[in-house]
Amino acid sequence: MMAEEEKKDMEKKEEKKPASEAAKTFLKIVLGLIFVLGGLALVVVWWKELLSVIKGTLGLFLIMVGAIILAIAKE
């Protein structure tokens, strides 16, 4: 009896979405792929500049990590 109720619940969940919901989902997937591919292309094009930014922020990152470690050690 319980298995039949669970089966019915699963069938309700598996019902097809309306066409508008499917179109929205498809649009989100396409936009997501465009942004990911665009980001990857820009990383490739601006690789030297990206490394420069990473090198420039490394010192500040280490200062922040050190401050957090000191705050934890103080407790």
N, C-alpha and C. Protein backbone atom coordinates (compact mmCIF):
# COMPACT_ATOMS: atom_id res chain seq x y z
N MET A 1 0.84 -1.19 0.00
CA MET A 1 0.00 0.00 0.00
C MET A 1 0.88 1.25 0.00
N MET A 2 1.89 1.25 0.83
CA MET A 2 2.79 2.39 0.93
C MET A 2 3.60 2.57 -0.35
N ALA A 3 3.99 1.46 -0.95
CA ALA A 3 4.77 1.51 -2.18
C ALA A 3 3.94 2.11 -3.31
N GLU A 4 2.65 1.81 -3.34
CA GLU A 4 1.79 2.36 -4.38
C GLU A 4 1.67 3.88 -4.25
N GLU A 5 1.56 4.37 -3.02
CA GLU A 5 1.47 5.81 -2.79
C GLU A 5 2.77 6.50 -3.22
N GLU A 6 3.90 5.90 -2.90
CA GLU A 6 5.18 6.47 -3.29
C GLU A 6 5.32 6.47 -4.81
N LYS A 7 4.85 5.43 -5.45
CA LYS A 7 4.90 5.35 -6.90
C LYS A 7 4.06 6.45 -7.53
N LYS A 8 2.88 6.70 -6.99
CA LYS A 8 2.01 7.76 -7.50
C LYS A 8 2.67 9.12 -7.30
N ASP A 9 3.30 9.32 -6.14
CA ASP A 9 3.99 10.59 -5.89
C ASP A 9 5.12 10.80 -6.89
N MET A 10 5.85 9.75 -7.19
CA MET A 10 6.95 9.84 -8.15
C MET A 10 6.42 10.16 -9.54
N GLU A 11 5.29 9.57 -9.91
CA GLU A 11 4.70 9.82 -11.23
C GLU A 11 4.27 11.28 -11.35
N LYS A 12 3.74 11.85 -10.27
CA LYS A 12 3.34 13.25 -10.28
C LYS A 12 4.56 14.15 -10.47
N LYS A 13 5.66 13.82 -9.83
CA LYS A 13 6.88 14.61 -9.94
C LYS A 13 7.48 14.51 -11.34
N GLU A 14 7.30 13.39 -11.99
CA GLU A 14 7.90 13.17 -13.30
C GLU A 14 7.05 13.71 -14.45
N GLU A 15 5.90 14.32 -14.12
CA GLU A 15 5.06 14.88 -15.16
C GLU A 15 5.85 15.93 -15.93
N LYS A 16 5.56 16.05 -17.22
CA LYS A 16 6.29 16.99 -18.06
C LYS A 16 5.98 18.42 -17.66
N LYS A 17 7.03 19.27 -17.75
CA LYS A 17 6.86 20.68 -17.48
C LYS A 17 6.16 21.32 -18.68
N PRO A 18 5.48 22.41 -18.46
CA PRO A 18 4.90 23.13 -19.60
C PRO A 18 6.01 23.62 -20.54
N ALA A 19 5.65 23.91 -21.77
CA ALA A 19 6.62 24.32 -22.78
C ALA A 19 7.35 25.58 -22.36
N SER A 20 6.67 26.49 -21.68
CA SER A 20 7.32 27.74 -21.27
C SER A 20 8.43 27.47 -20.25
N GLU A 21 8.21 26.52 -19.35
CA GLU A 21 9.24 26.18 -18.36
C GLU A 21 10.44 25.53 -19.03
N ALA A 22 10.17 24.68 -20.01
CA ALA A 22 11.26 24.04 -20.74
C ALA A 22 12.06 25.07 -21.52
N ALA A 23 11.38 26.05 -22.10
CA ALA A 23 12.07 27.10 -22.86
C ALA A 23 12.93 27.95 -21.94
N LYS A 24 12.42 28.25 -20.75
CA LYS A 24 13.20 29.03 -19.78
C LYS A 24 14.45 28.26 -19.36
N THR A 25 14.30 26.98 -19.10
CA THR A 25 15.43 26.15 -18.72
C THR A 25 16.46 26.09 -19.83
N PHE A 26 16.00 25.92 -21.06
CA PHE A 26 16.90 25.87 -22.21
C PHE A 26 17.65 27.19 -22.36
N LEU A 27 16.95 28.31 -22.20
CA LEU A 27 17.57 29.62 -22.30
C LEU A 27 18.65 29.81 -21.23
N LYS A 28 18.37 29.37 -20.02
CA LYS A 28 19.34 29.48 -18.93
C LYS A 28 20.58 28.65 -19.23
N ILE A 29 20.39 27.46 -19.77
CA ILE A 29 21.53 26.60 -20.10
C ILE A 29 22.37 27.24 -21.20
N VAL A 30 21.71 27.75 -22.24
CA VAL A 30 22.44 28.39 -23.34
C VAL A 30 23.20 29.61 -22.85
N LEU A 31 22.56 30.46 -22.05
CA LEU A 31 23.25 31.64 -21.51
C LEU A 31 24.42 31.24 -20.62
N GLY A 32 24.23 30.22 -19.81
CA GLY A 32 25.31 29.75 -18.96
C GLY A 32 26.50 29.28 -19.78
N LEU A 33 26.24 28.52 -20.83
CA LEU A 33 27.33 28.05 -21.70
C LEU A 33 28.04 29.21 -22.39
N ILE A 34 27.27 30.21 -22.83
CA ILE A 34 27.88 31.38 -23.48
C ILE A 34 28.81 32.10 -22.52
N PHE A 35 28.37 32.30 -21.28
CA PHE A 35 29.19 32.99 -20.31
C PHE A 35 30.43 32.18 -19.94
N VAL A 36 30.30 30.88 -19.79
CA VAL A 36 31.45 30.04 -19.46
C VAL A 36 32.46 30.07 -20.60
N LEU A 37 32.01 29.91 -21.83
CA LEU A 37 32.92 29.93 -22.98
C LEU A 37 33.55 31.31 -23.16
N GLY A 38 32.77 32.35 -22.94
CA GLY A 38 33.31 33.71 -23.02
C GLY A 38 34.38 33.95 -21.96
N GLY A 39 34.13 33.48 -20.76
CA GLY A 39 35.11 33.62 -19.68
C GLY A 39 36.39 32.86 -19.99
N LEU A 40 36.25 31.65 -20.50
CA LEU A 40 37.44 30.88 -20.86
C LEU A 40 38.24 31.56 -21.97
N ALA A 41 37.54 32.12 -22.94
CA ALA A 41 38.22 32.82 -24.04
C ALA A 41 38.98 34.03 -23.51
N LEU A 42 38.38 34.77 -22.58
CA LEU A 42 39.05 35.94 -22.03
C LEU A 42 40.26 35.55 -21.18
N VAL A 43 40.17 34.45 -20.46
CA VAL A 43 41.33 33.98 -19.69
C VAL A 43 42.48 33.65 -20.64
N VAL A 44 42.18 33.01 -21.75
CA VAL A 44 43.22 32.67 -22.72
C VAL A 44 43.82 33.94 -23.33
N VAL A 45 42.96 34.89 -23.73
CA VAL A 45 43.43 36.11 -24.38
C VAL A 45 44.25 36.97 -23.42
N TRP A 46 43.78 37.08 -22.17
CA TRP A 46 44.43 37.97 -21.20
C TRP A 46 45.28 37.19 -20.20
N TRP A 47 45.90 36.10 -20.59
CA TRP A 47 46.64 35.25 -19.66
C TRP A 47 47.75 36.01 -18.95
N LYS A 48 48.56 36.79 -19.70
CA LYS A 48 49.67 37.53 -19.08
C LYS A 48 49.16 38.55 -18.07
N GLU A 49 48.11 39.26 -18.42
CA GLU A 49 47.53 40.24 -17.51
C GLU A 49 46.95 39.57 -16.27
N LEU A 50 46.34 38.41 -16.46
CA LEU A 50 45.78 37.67 -15.33
C LEU A 50 46.87 37.26 -14.36
N LEU A 51 48.00 36.79 -14.88
CA LEU A 51 49.11 36.43 -14.01
C LEU A 51 49.65 37.65 -13.28
N SER A 52 49.67 38.78 -13.94
CA SER A 52 50.12 40.02 -13.31
C SER A 52 49.21 40.40 -12.14
N VAL A 53 47.91 40.27 -12.33
CA VAL A 53 46.95 40.58 -11.27
C VAL A 53 47.14 39.62 -10.09
N ILE A 54 47.31 38.34 -10.40
CA ILE A 54 47.50 37.34 -9.34
C ILE A 54 48.78 37.65 -8.56
N LYS A 55 49.85 37.96 -9.27
CA LYS A 55 51.12 38.30 -8.60
C LYS A 55 50.96 39.55 -7.75
N GLY A 56 50.21 40.52 -8.25
CA GLY A 56 50.01 41.78 -7.52
C GLY A 56 49.20 41.62 -6.26
N THR A 57 48.30 40.67 -6.23
CA THR A 57 47.44 40.48 -5.05
C THR A 57 47.96 39.43 -4.09
N LEU A 58 49.02 38.74 -4.46
CA LEU A 58 49.55 37.67 -3.62
C LEU A 58 50.01 38.19 -2.25
N GLY A 59 50.69 39.33 -2.24
CA GLY A 59 51.15 39.91 -0.98
C GLY A 59 50.00 40.25 -0.05
N LEU A 60 48.96 40.88 -0.60
CA LEU A 60 47.79 41.23 0.21
C LEU A 60 47.10 39.97 0.75
N PHE A 61 47.06 38.94 -0.07
CA PHE A 61 46.46 37.68 0.35
C PHE A 61 47.23 37.08 1.54
N LEU A 62 48.56 37.11 1.44
CA LEU A 62 49.37 36.56 2.53
C LEU A 62 49.21 37.38 3.81
N ILE A 63 49.10 38.70 3.69
CA ILE A 63 48.85 39.53 4.88
C ILE A 63 47.52 39.14 5.52
N MET A 64 46.50 38.95 4.72
CA MET A 64 45.18 38.59 5.23
C MET A 64 45.21 37.22 5.90
N VAL A 65 45.87 36.24 5.29
CA VAL A 65 45.98 34.91 5.87
C VAL A 65 46.71 34.98 7.20
N GLY A 66 47.81 35.75 7.25
CA GLY A 66 48.57 35.91 8.50
C GLY A 66 47.73 36.53 9.59
N ALA A 67 46.94 37.55 9.26
CA ALA A 67 46.08 38.20 10.24
C ALA A 67 45.02 37.23 10.78
N ILE A 68 44.48 36.40 9.91
CA ILE A 68 43.48 35.42 10.35
C ILE A 68 44.13 34.39 11.26
N ILE A 69 45.32 33.93 10.92
CA ILE A 69 46.03 32.95 11.77
C ILE A 69 46.32 33.56 13.13
N LEU A 70 46.76 34.83 13.17
CA LEU A 70 47.03 35.50 14.45
C LEU A 70 45.76 35.64 15.27
N ALA A 71 44.63 35.94 14.61
CA ALA A 71 43.36 36.07 15.33
C ALA A 71 42.93 34.74 15.91
N ILE A 72 43.16 33.65 15.19
CA ILE A 72 42.80 32.33 15.69
C ILE A 72 43.72 31.93 16.84
N ALA A 73 45.01 32.23 16.70
CA ALA A 73 45.97 31.87 17.75
C ALA A 73 45.73 32.66 19.02
N LYS A 74 45.19 33.84 18.91
CA LYS A 74 44.93 34.71 20.08
C LYS A 74 43.85 34.13 20.98
N GLU A 75 42.95 33.35 20.43
CA GLU A 75 41.84 32.78 21.21
C GLU A 75 42.30 31.74 22.18
